[in-house]
Amino acid sequence: MTNSTYHLVCGLEVHAELKTASKMFCSCVNDPFGAAEPNIHTCPVCLGMPGALPVANQKAIEWTIKLGLALGCEINLFSKFDRKHYFYPDLPKGYQISQYDLPFCHDGHLETSQGTVRIRRIHLEEDTGKLQHKTINGQKVSLIDFNRSSVPLVEVVTEADIISPEQAKEYSKKLRQIMRQLQISDCDMEQGTMRLEANISLSPNPQAAADDELPAYKVEVKNINSFRFLEQAIQFEMQRQTLVLDAGEMPTQETRGWDADHNTTFPQRVKEDAEDYRYFPDPDLPPIQLDAAQIETWRSELPELPAARVARWSNKFGVEPKYGQLLSEELGRESFFEDIFTRLITIKADPNVWANFYSNKKITVKSHENIDDLASKFVEMTKVDEMSGVELSPIIDQVIGEFPQEYENFKSGKTALINFLIGQTLKKLGKKVDVGRVKQAWEAKL
């Protein structure tokens, strides 16, 4: 357990590969996971050959800005690409083309059940190659596949607004849902087209981010490939850092990895500062000047986003947000759910009950199944026998006689026992009766 005097101060960096037809700065095919062999979707540009000149992918820029608009960001009409220098075997040029002080998008937000998460910036960069560690002829070797090198990679960086592991998980899932809704990325966690990184520290101030009083250190846990692992990594770091702080020491500012087999983080390297990357504008790529009218055109092309749809379904059809959220995660089925809700309203059936049954797998839907048939099945499945209060009264008396203690406890204030009493009543009836009607009868009795 963590010490209650410390509060989580956490920001996330989410990377997602955009599914454009070609790579970010060359015309090579953007399909690193579908390639038949390593290093076949490559050229002098994405292999970092001397003299090769990059050309920016217009569609990747458009999709990045649309993501920013979907997240309520401000858009920089003047932007540029920068070189971020570091040396690693999967980075053939010795630098990564990224963005530093003028990202395409900044100052957005995403709402969660635990509050607003502010988005500091969204920038566009190129992905690296992929290292593969193998044993060949008895020797351990590291191989590099450059099919992924220069694939367009969007990075969404939050402020340190995340106050719990659960909120981090919720934020990340909602962000993935928006990117999928925009159809700009598959966000496949297993393949690595979406990667999560958490910057984690602890503070005695529960309002540290809001008060702009961030701790003097942060620990970055990189390349997390599942929402569950993200939650677990933050939980582990909270416990680990608490022990360090309780010992009167400052946690080391470093980059750590996540060991899913042992549910622990492990040190990788001392964390770099921005100065260490020696950013400067890429001289081979001209600055990007955007037009305000074009931004508004792209804004008008945005589809209905998940949060707006969940709210509309709630207002129009009475579908509870928790069910609307689950249904919204099924990409491409928005029109189907809209049609079934509309049909259920027409025949005076309850869309919220249908959404409940569907979410809890009490209803299965076959592909291309007729909407009218589905609605009719649901009506038949939920049909109940009518019973008056007069008919229910003696059954209720029997339940009271058999469970007098529960009845007295309920009357003394343990209101949750109403569900137990209703359940016993339904058992005695032996037929399908509207639960709401049984509850009304109990309320009348009381």
Protein backbone atom coordinates (compact mmCIF):
# COMPACT_ATOMS: atom_id res chain seq x y z
CA MET A 1 0.00 0.00 0.00
CA THR A 2 1.17 3.52 -0.75
CA ASN A 3 1.54 6.17 1.91
CA SER A 4 -1.59 8.32 1.96
CA THR A 5 0.52 11.48 2.35
CA TYR A 6 1.77 11.13 -1.24
CA HIS A 7 -0.37 11.79 -4.31
CA LEU A 8 0.22 10.62 -7.86
CA VAL A 9 1.47 13.22 -10.34
CA CYS A 10 1.36 11.57 -13.76
CA GLY A 11 1.42 12.54 -17.40
CA LEU A 12 1.15 10.21 -20.38
CA GLU A 13 2.84 10.11 -23.76
CA VAL A 14 0.92 8.01 -26.26
CA HIS A 15 2.46 7.08 -29.61
CA ALA A 16 0.32 5.76 -32.46
CA GLU A 17 1.38 4.77 -35.96
CA LEU A 18 -0.79 6.39 -38.64
CA LYS A 19 -2.07 4.04 -41.32
CA THR A 20 -1.25 6.18 -44.34
CA ALA A 21 -0.47 4.38 -47.61
CA SER A 22 3.16 5.52 -47.59
CA LYS A 23 5.74 6.36 -44.95
CA MET A 24 6.24 9.77 -43.35
CA PHE A 25 9.09 11.13 -45.48
CA CYS A 26 9.33 8.77 -48.45
CA SER A 27 7.09 6.82 -50.84
CA CYS A 28 7.82 3.38 -49.35
CA VAL A 29 4.81 1.23 -48.46
CA ASN A 30 3.62 1.78 -44.89
CA ASP A 31 2.96 -1.83 -43.91
CA PRO A 32 5.68 -2.97 -41.48
CA PHE A 33 3.60 -5.79 -39.99
CA GLY A 34 2.32 -7.15 -43.31
CA ALA A 35 5.71 -7.27 -45.00
CA ALA A 36 6.71 -10.70 -46.29
CA GLU A 37 10.35 -10.18 -45.31
CA PRO A 38 12.43 -7.76 -43.24
CA ASN A 39 13.82 -4.66 -44.95
CA ILE A 40 11.78 -4.85 -48.17
CA HIS A 41 9.78 -1.61 -47.69
CA THR A 42 12.88 0.56 -47.61
CA CYS A 43 14.68 3.20 -49.67
CA PRO A 44 17.65 5.57 -49.23
CA VAL A 45 15.46 8.03 -47.28
CA CYS A 46 14.15 5.66 -44.59
CA LEU A 47 17.54 3.91 -44.43
CA GLY A 48 19.22 7.24 -43.66
CA MET A 49 21.58 7.19 -46.65
CA PRO A 50 23.74 10.31 -47.08
CA GLY A 51 22.21 12.80 -49.51
CA ALA A 52 18.69 11.31 -49.44
CA LEU A 53 16.06 14.04 -49.11
CA PRO A 54 12.81 13.62 -47.14
CA VAL A 55 9.41 14.90 -48.31
CA ALA A 56 6.63 15.27 -45.73
CA ASN A 57 3.48 13.13 -46.04
CA GLN A 58 0.54 15.53 -46.50
CA LYS A 59 -2.09 13.00 -45.37
CA ALA A 60 -0.22 12.33 -42.12
CA ILE A 61 -0.21 16.06 -41.37
CA GLU A 62 -3.95 16.30 -42.09
CA TRP A 63 -4.73 13.34 -39.82
CA THR A 64 -2.60 14.73 -37.00
CA ILE A 65 -4.46 18.02 -37.14
CA LYS A 66 -7.84 16.26 -37.26
CA LEU A 67 -6.87 14.38 -34.10
CA GLY A 68 -5.97 17.71 -32.50
CA LEU A 69 -9.34 19.18 -33.52
CA ALA A 70 -11.14 16.15 -32.09
CA LEU A 71 -9.34 16.77 -28.78
CA GLY A 72 -10.16 20.49 -28.68
CA CYS A 73 -6.62 21.61 -29.46
CA GLU A 74 -5.36 24.91 -30.77
CA ILE A 75 -3.67 24.50 -34.16
CA ASN A 76 -0.37 26.17 -35.05
CA LEU A 77 -0.83 27.63 -38.53
CA PHE A 78 2.97 27.86 -38.78
CA SER A 79 4.85 24.70 -37.88
CA LYS A 80 8.07 22.89 -38.72
CA PHE A 81 9.99 19.64 -38.34
CA ASP A 82 13.08 19.34 -36.15
CA ARG A 83 15.93 16.90 -35.76
CA LYS A 84 16.06 15.07 -32.43
CA HIS A 85 19.54 13.60 -31.98
CA TYR A 86 20.26 10.37 -30.18
CA PHE A 87 22.23 7.27 -31.06
CA TYR A 88 20.60 3.87 -31.12
CA PRO A 89 20.96 1.00 -33.62
CA ASP A 90 17.36 1.26 -34.88
CA LEU A 91 17.81 4.96 -35.80
CA PRO A 92 19.88 4.88 -39.00
CA LYS A 93 20.41 8.66 -39.41
CA GLY A 94 21.58 9.24 -35.83
CA TYR A 95 18.60 11.55 -35.39
CA GLN A 96 14.82 11.33 -35.59
CA ILE A 97 12.74 13.82 -37.55
CA SER A 98 10.25 15.08 -34.99
CA GLN A 99 8.79 18.39 -33.77
CA TYR A 100 10.01 20.47 -30.86
CA ASP A 101 8.78 24.00 -30.13
CA LEU A 102 6.11 24.32 -32.85
CA PRO A 103 3.99 21.15 -32.84
CA PHE A 104 0.92 21.02 -35.06
CA CYS A 105 -1.48 20.94 -32.07
CA HIS A 106 -1.40 22.21 -28.50
CA ASP A 107 -3.59 22.94 -25.47
CA GLY A 108 -6.38 20.38 -25.86
CA HIS A 109 -8.27 18.21 -23.37
CA LEU A 110 -9.99 14.87 -22.87
CA GLU A 111 -12.68 14.30 -20.26
CA THR A 112 -12.57 11.31 -17.92
CA SER A 113 -14.74 10.22 -15.00
CA GLN A 114 -12.03 11.52 -12.63
CA GLY A 115 -11.66 14.92 -14.26
CA THR A 116 -10.22 16.68 -17.29
CA VAL A 117 -6.85 15.62 -18.63
CA ARG A 118 -5.18 18.55 -20.37
CA ILE A 119 -3.26 17.78 -23.55
CA ARG A 120 -0.05 19.79 -23.81
CA ARG A 121 0.81 18.97 -27.41
CA ILE A 122 0.30 16.63 -30.35
CA HIS A 123 3.21 16.34 -32.71
CA LEU A 124 4.16 14.25 -35.71
CA GLU A 125 7.40 12.34 -36.15
CA GLU A 126 8.86 9.25 -37.76
CA ASP A 127 9.06 5.83 -36.16
CA THR A 128 12.33 3.94 -35.77
CA GLY A 129 13.35 0.55 -37.08
CA LYS A 130 12.67 -2.58 -35.02
CA LEU A 131 15.32 -4.55 -33.19
CA GLN A 132 15.03 -8.34 -33.07
CA HIS A 133 17.18 -10.25 -30.59
CA LYS A 134 17.82 -13.84 -31.70
CA THR A 135 20.23 -16.73 -31.36
CA ILE A 136 21.85 -17.82 -34.65
CA ASN A 137 24.33 -20.70 -34.81
CA GLY A 138 24.53 -20.63 -31.05
CA GLN A 139 25.38 -16.93 -30.86
CA LYS A 140 23.14 -14.16 -29.58
CA VAL A 141 22.72 -11.44 -32.19
CA SER A 142 20.61 -8.33 -32.68
CA LEU A 143 18.99 -7.84 -36.09
CA ILE A 144 17.31 -4.69 -37.40
CA ASP A 145 14.20 -4.56 -39.57
CA PHE A 146 13.83 -1.14 -41.20
CA ASN A 147 10.35 -1.78 -42.63
CA ARG A 148 9.03 0.31 -39.72
CA SER A 149 11.65 3.04 -40.10
CA SER A 150 10.01 6.38 -40.99
CA VAL A 151 6.42 5.16 -40.52
CA PRO A 152 4.38 8.25 -39.47
CA LEU A 153 4.03 8.37 -35.71
CA VAL A 154 1.75 10.77 -33.85
CA GLU A 155 2.56 11.53 -30.21
CA VAL A 156 -0.04 12.87 -27.76
CA VAL A 157 1.48 14.38 -24.60
CA THR A 158 -0.64 15.28 -21.56
CA GLU A 159 -0.01 17.60 -18.65
CA ALA A 160 0.63 15.89 -15.31
CA ASP A 161 -3.11 15.83 -14.55
CA ILE A 162 -3.59 12.10 -14.02
CA ILE A 163 -4.28 11.35 -10.36
CA SER A 164 -4.79 7.57 -10.36
CA PRO A 165 -3.79 4.44 -12.29
CA GLU A 166 -7.48 3.94 -13.14
CA GLN A 167 -7.71 7.39 -14.71
CA ALA A 168 -4.60 6.70 -16.79
CA LYS A 169 -6.22 3.55 -18.12
CA GLU A 170 -9.53 5.32 -18.87
CA TYR A 171 -7.80 8.22 -20.63
CA SER A 172 -5.74 5.88 -22.81
CA LYS A 173 -8.75 3.79 -23.81
CA LYS A 174 -10.76 6.89 -24.71
CA LEU A 175 -7.88 8.26 -26.76
CA ARG A 176 -7.57 4.98 -28.65
CA GLN A 177 -11.32 5.01 -29.31
CA ILE A 178 -11.13 8.51 -30.79
CA MET A 179 -8.20 7.61 -33.07
CA ARG A 180 -10.03 4.53 -34.28
CA GLN A 181 -13.20 6.55 -34.84
CA LEU A 182 -11.20 8.97 -36.98
CA GLN A 183 -9.80 5.93 -38.86
CA ILE A 184 -6.26 7.26 -38.67
CA SER A 185 -4.69 4.36 -36.75
CA ASP A 186 -5.49 0.75 -35.91
CA CYS A 187 -4.00 1.29 -32.43
CA ASP A 188 -3.09 -2.40 -32.22
CA MET A 189 -1.39 -2.78 -28.85
CA GLU A 190 -0.05 -6.28 -29.54
CA GLN A 191 1.67 -5.27 -32.78
CA GLY A 192 2.91 -2.05 -31.27
CA THR A 193 1.06 0.46 -33.44
CA MET A 194 0.04 2.11 -30.15
CA ARG A 195 2.53 2.43 -27.29
CA LEU A 196 2.06 3.99 -23.87
CA GLU A 197 4.59 5.81 -21.71
CA ALA A 198 3.92 7.17 -18.24
CA ASN A 199 5.85 9.95 -16.48
CA ILE A 200 5.32 9.19 -12.80
CA SER A 201 6.17 11.05 -9.62
CA LEU A 202 4.65 11.60 -6.18
CA SER A 203 3.89 14.77 -4.28
CA PRO A 204 2.42 15.63 -0.85
CA ASN A 205 0.32 18.24 -2.69
CA PRO A 206 -2.88 16.72 -4.13
CA GLN A 207 -3.16 19.72 -6.49
CA ALA A 208 0.47 19.67 -7.64
CA ALA A 209 -0.27 19.89 -11.37
CA ALA A 210 -3.00 22.53 -10.97
CA ASP A 211 -0.75 24.60 -8.69
CA ASP A 212 2.20 24.20 -11.08
CA GLU A 213 4.24 22.69 -8.24
CA LEU A 214 5.57 19.57 -9.91
CA PRO A 215 8.05 17.33 -8.06
CA ALA A 216 11.76 17.80 -8.77
CA TYR A 217 11.97 14.40 -10.47
CA LYS A 218 9.97 12.10 -12.73
CA VAL A 219 10.33 8.48 -13.72
CA GLU A 220 9.33 7.51 -17.26
CA VAL A 221 8.12 3.95 -17.84
CA LYS A 222 8.36 3.33 -21.59
CA ASN A 223 6.82 1.16 -24.27
CA ILE A 224 3.90 -0.29 -22.31
CA ASN A 225 1.72 -2.33 -24.65
CA SER A 226 -1.53 -2.84 -22.75
CA PHE A 227 -3.91 -0.77 -20.65
CA ARG A 228 -3.71 -3.32 -17.84
CA PHE A 229 0.09 -3.13 -17.80
CA LEU A 230 -0.12 0.68 -17.73
CA GLU A 231 -2.32 0.53 -14.64
CA GLN A 232 -0.05 -2.02 -12.97
CA ALA A 233 3.14 -0.12 -13.81
CA ILE A 234 1.80 3.07 -12.23
CA GLN A 235 0.64 1.16 -9.15
CA PHE A 236 4.08 -0.44 -8.79
CA GLU A 237 5.91 2.87 -9.22
CA MET A 238 3.71 4.53 -6.60
CA GLN A 239 4.69 1.83 -4.12
CA ARG A 240 8.39 1.88 -5.08
CA GLN A 241 8.70 5.66 -4.99
CA THR A 242 6.86 5.85 -1.67
CA LEU A 243 9.51 3.63 -0.07
CA VAL A 244 12.28 5.84 -1.47
CA LEU A 245 10.60 9.06 -0.28
CA ASP A 246 9.84 7.59 3.16
CA ALA A 247 13.56 6.83 3.47
CA GLY A 248 14.25 10.55 3.03
CA GLU A 249 15.72 10.13 -0.46
CA MET A 250 14.75 11.46 -3.91
CA PRO A 251 13.84 8.87 -6.57
CA THR A 252 16.32 8.84 -9.45
CA GLN A 253 15.10 10.61 -12.58
CA GLU A 254 15.39 7.76 -15.06
CA THR A 255 13.75 5.72 -17.78
CA ARG A 256 12.43 2.34 -16.70
CA GLY A 257 10.88 -0.62 -18.49
CA TRP A 258 7.95 -2.80 -17.47
CA ASP A 259 8.46 -6.50 -16.69
CA ALA A 260 5.04 -8.06 -17.21
CA ASP A 261 6.22 -11.46 -15.96
CA HIS A 262 7.16 -10.13 -12.52
CA ASN A 263 4.86 -7.06 -12.38
CA THR A 264 7.79 -4.75 -11.71
CA THR A 265 9.60 -1.91 -13.43
CA PHE A 266 13.35 -2.03 -14.01
CA PRO A 267 15.92 0.71 -14.73
CA GLN A 268 17.04 1.23 -18.31
CA ARG A 269 18.95 4.53 -18.44
CA VAL A 270 19.20 7.94 -16.83
CA LYS A 271 16.46 10.10 -18.33
CA GLU A 272 17.54 12.70 -20.90
CA ASP A 273 16.55 16.36 -20.87
CA ALA A 274 15.49 18.22 -24.00
CA GLU A 275 18.96 19.80 -24.22
CA ASP A 276 20.51 16.36 -24.58
CA TYR A 277 18.70 15.83 -27.89
CA ARG A 278 20.21 18.98 -29.49
CA TYR A 279 17.05 19.89 -31.36
CA PHE A 280 17.29 22.18 -34.37
CA PRO A 281 15.04 22.76 -37.42
CA ASP A 282 15.47 20.13 -40.12
CA PRO A 283 17.21 21.94 -43.00
CA ASP A 284 15.87 19.48 -45.58
CA LEU A 285 12.19 20.13 -44.80
CA PRO A 286 10.57 23.53 -45.36
CA PRO A 287 8.33 24.99 -42.62
CA ILE A 288 4.61 24.19 -42.88
CA GLN A 289 2.26 27.14 -43.40
CA LEU A 290 -1.38 26.13 -42.87
CA ASP A 291 -4.50 27.99 -43.94
CA ALA A 292 -7.24 28.78 -41.38
CA ALA A 293 -9.96 27.98 -43.93
CA GLN A 294 -8.42 24.54 -44.50
CA ILE A 295 -8.43 23.89 -40.75
CA GLU A 296 -12.15 24.68 -40.63
CA THR A 297 -12.80 22.36 -43.58
CA TRP A 298 -11.04 19.54 -41.73
CA ARG A 299 -13.02 20.37 -38.59
CA SER A 300 -16.27 20.03 -40.56
CA GLU A 301 -15.17 16.60 -41.79
CA LEU A 302 -14.83 15.13 -38.30
CA PRO A 303 -17.25 12.26 -37.61
CA GLU A 304 -19.44 12.16 -34.51
CA LEU A 305 -17.03 11.40 -31.70
CA PRO A 306 -17.68 8.76 -29.02
CA ALA A 307 -18.43 11.17 -26.16
CA ALA A 308 -20.93 13.11 -28.26
CA ARG A 309 -22.61 9.90 -29.41
CA VAL A 310 -22.89 8.52 -25.87
CA ALA A 311 -24.50 11.79 -24.72
CA ARG A 312 -26.91 11.84 -27.68
CA TRP A 313 -27.96 8.22 -27.16
CA SER A 314 -28.60 9.03 -23.51
CA ASN A 315 -30.74 12.08 -24.33
CA LYS A 316 -32.56 10.62 -27.32
CA PHE A 317 -33.01 6.96 -26.37
CA GLY A 318 -32.43 6.86 -22.60
CA VAL A 319 -29.37 4.60 -22.95
CA GLU A 320 -27.20 4.87 -19.85
CA PRO A 321 -23.70 6.25 -20.60
CA LYS A 322 -21.99 3.12 -19.26
CA TYR A 323 -23.75 1.04 -21.93
CA GLY A 324 -23.37 3.69 -24.60
CA GLN A 325 -19.63 3.77 -23.96
CA LEU A 326 -19.34 -0.01 -24.34
CA LEU A 327 -21.35 0.00 -27.56
CA SER A 328 -19.34 2.91 -28.97
CA GLU A 329 -16.20 0.80 -28.75
CA GLU A 330 -17.56 -1.42 -31.53
CA LEU A 331 -16.30 0.44 -34.58
CA GLY A 332 -18.51 0.45 -37.65
CA ARG A 333 -21.68 -0.55 -35.76
CA GLU A 334 -22.86 2.95 -34.87
CA SER A 335 -25.60 2.92 -37.54
CA PHE A 336 -26.78 -0.52 -36.47
CA PHE A 337 -27.22 0.57 -32.84
CA GLU A 338 -28.93 3.75 -33.98
CA ASP A 339 -31.40 1.71 -36.07
CA ILE A 340 -32.21 -0.81 -33.34
CA PHE A 341 -32.75 1.95 -30.75
CA THR A 342 -35.05 3.81 -33.14
CA ARG A 343 -37.03 0.66 -33.86
CA LEU A 344 -37.37 -0.20 -30.15
CA ILE A 345 -38.74 3.28 -29.41
CA THR A 346 -41.27 2.84 -32.22
CA ILE A 347 -42.63 -0.38 -30.71
CA LYS A 348 -42.50 1.08 -27.17
CA ALA A 349 -39.65 -1.17 -26.00
CA ASP A 350 -36.78 0.08 -23.87
CA PRO A 351 -33.45 0.70 -25.71
CA ASN A 352 -31.59 0.91 -22.39
CA VAL A 353 -32.66 -2.62 -21.42
CA TRP A 354 -31.60 -3.84 -24.87
CA ALA A 355 -28.22 -2.10 -24.47
CA ASN A 356 -27.86 -3.70 -21.02
CA PHE A 357 -28.63 -7.16 -22.39
CA TYR A 358 -26.29 -6.69 -25.37
CA SER A 359 -23.43 -5.36 -23.23
CA ASN A 360 -23.78 -8.30 -20.86
CA LYS A 361 -24.03 -10.81 -23.73
CA LYS A 362 -27.62 -11.79 -22.93
CA ILE A 363 -28.40 -10.99 -26.56
CA THR A 364 -26.38 -12.19 -29.54
CA VAL A 365 -26.67 -10.53 -32.92
CA LYS A 366 -25.90 -12.45 -36.08
CA SER A 367 -24.37 -10.62 -39.02
CA HIS A 368 -26.96 -9.00 -41.32
CA GLU A 369 -29.80 -9.96 -38.95
CA ASN A 370 -32.99 -8.01 -39.69
CA ILE A 371 -33.67 -5.09 -37.31
CA ASP A 372 -37.38 -5.91 -37.06
CA ASP A 373 -36.62 -9.53 -36.21
CA LEU A 374 -34.14 -8.45 -33.53
CA ALA A 375 -36.66 -6.07 -32.00
CA SER A 376 -39.38 -8.75 -32.01
CA LYS A 377 -37.07 -11.27 -30.34
CA PHE A 378 -36.21 -8.73 -27.64
CA VAL A 379 -39.89 -7.98 -26.97
CA GLU A 380 -40.65 -11.69 -26.67
CA MET A 381 -37.65 -12.24 -24.43
CA THR A 382 -38.63 -9.44 -22.04
CA LYS A 383 -42.38 -10.08 -22.02
CA VAL A 384 -43.72 -10.25 -18.47
CA ASP A 385 -46.98 -11.36 -16.87
CA GLU A 386 -49.15 -8.60 -15.52
CA MET A 387 -49.84 -8.73 -11.80
CA SER A 388 -51.69 -6.26 -9.65
CA GLY A 389 -50.67 -5.04 -6.23
CA VAL A 390 -53.53 -7.06 -4.75
CA GLU A 391 -52.09 -10.26 -6.25
CA LEU A 392 -48.57 -9.45 -5.12
CA SER A 393 -49.50 -8.55 -1.54
CA PRO A 394 -49.91 -12.11 -0.15
CA ILE A 395 -46.61 -13.16 -1.79
CA ILE A 396 -44.86 -10.24 -0.11
CA ASP A 397 -46.39 -11.26 3.22
CA GLN A 398 -44.97 -14.75 2.76
CA VAL A 399 -41.48 -13.34 2.13
CA ILE A 400 -41.75 -11.18 5.26
CA GLY A 401 -42.80 -14.27 7.25
CA GLU A 402 -39.82 -16.27 6.00
CA PHE A 403 -37.24 -13.48 6.32
CA PRO A 404 -38.36 -11.37 9.28
CA GLN A 405 -34.82 -10.33 10.27
CA GLU A 406 -33.97 -9.08 6.77
CA TYR A 407 -37.28 -7.23 6.68
CA GLU A 408 -36.60 -5.52 10.02
CA ASN A 409 -33.03 -4.67 8.98
CA PHE A 410 -34.38 -3.11 5.80
CA LYS A 411 -36.86 -1.01 7.75
CA SER A 412 -34.09 0.11 10.12
CA GLY A 413 -32.10 1.63 7.27
CA LYS A 414 -30.28 -1.14 5.37
CA THR A 415 -31.98 -0.18 2.11
CA ALA A 416 -29.81 -2.42 -0.06
CA LEU A 417 -31.82 -5.38 1.29
CA ILE A 418 -34.71 -4.35 -0.98
CA ASN A 419 -32.97 -6.24 -3.79
CA PHE A 420 -32.84 -9.41 -1.68
CA LEU A 421 -36.54 -9.10 -0.79
CA ILE A 422 -37.53 -8.49 -4.40
CA GLY A 423 -35.44 -11.49 -5.48
CA GLN A 424 -37.21 -13.76 -3.00
CA THR A 425 -40.57 -12.46 -4.23
CA LEU A 426 -39.71 -13.23 -7.85
CA LYS A 427 -38.63 -16.76 -6.87
CA LYS A 428 -41.98 -17.43 -5.25
CA LEU A 429 -43.93 -16.07 -8.21
CA GLY A 430 -42.32 -18.59 -10.55
CA LYS A 431 -43.04 -16.50 -13.65
CA LYS A 432 -41.70 -13.43 -15.37
CA VAL A 433 -43.01 -10.30 -13.74
CA ASP A 434 -41.82 -6.75 -14.23
CA VAL A 435 -39.23 -6.10 -11.49
CA GLY A 436 -40.27 -2.48 -11.33
CA ARG A 437 -43.83 -3.54 -10.59
CA VAL A 438 -42.64 -5.81 -7.75
CA LYS A 439 -40.55 -2.95 -6.33
CA GLN A 440 -43.58 -0.67 -6.41
CA ALA A 441 -45.59 -3.28 -4.51
CA TRP A 442 -42.88 -3.48 -1.82
CA GLU A 443 -42.73 0.28 -1.56
CA ALA A 444 -46.50 0.39 -1.17
CA LYS A 445 -46.29 -2.26 1.54
CA LEU A 446 -43.70 -0.24 3.42
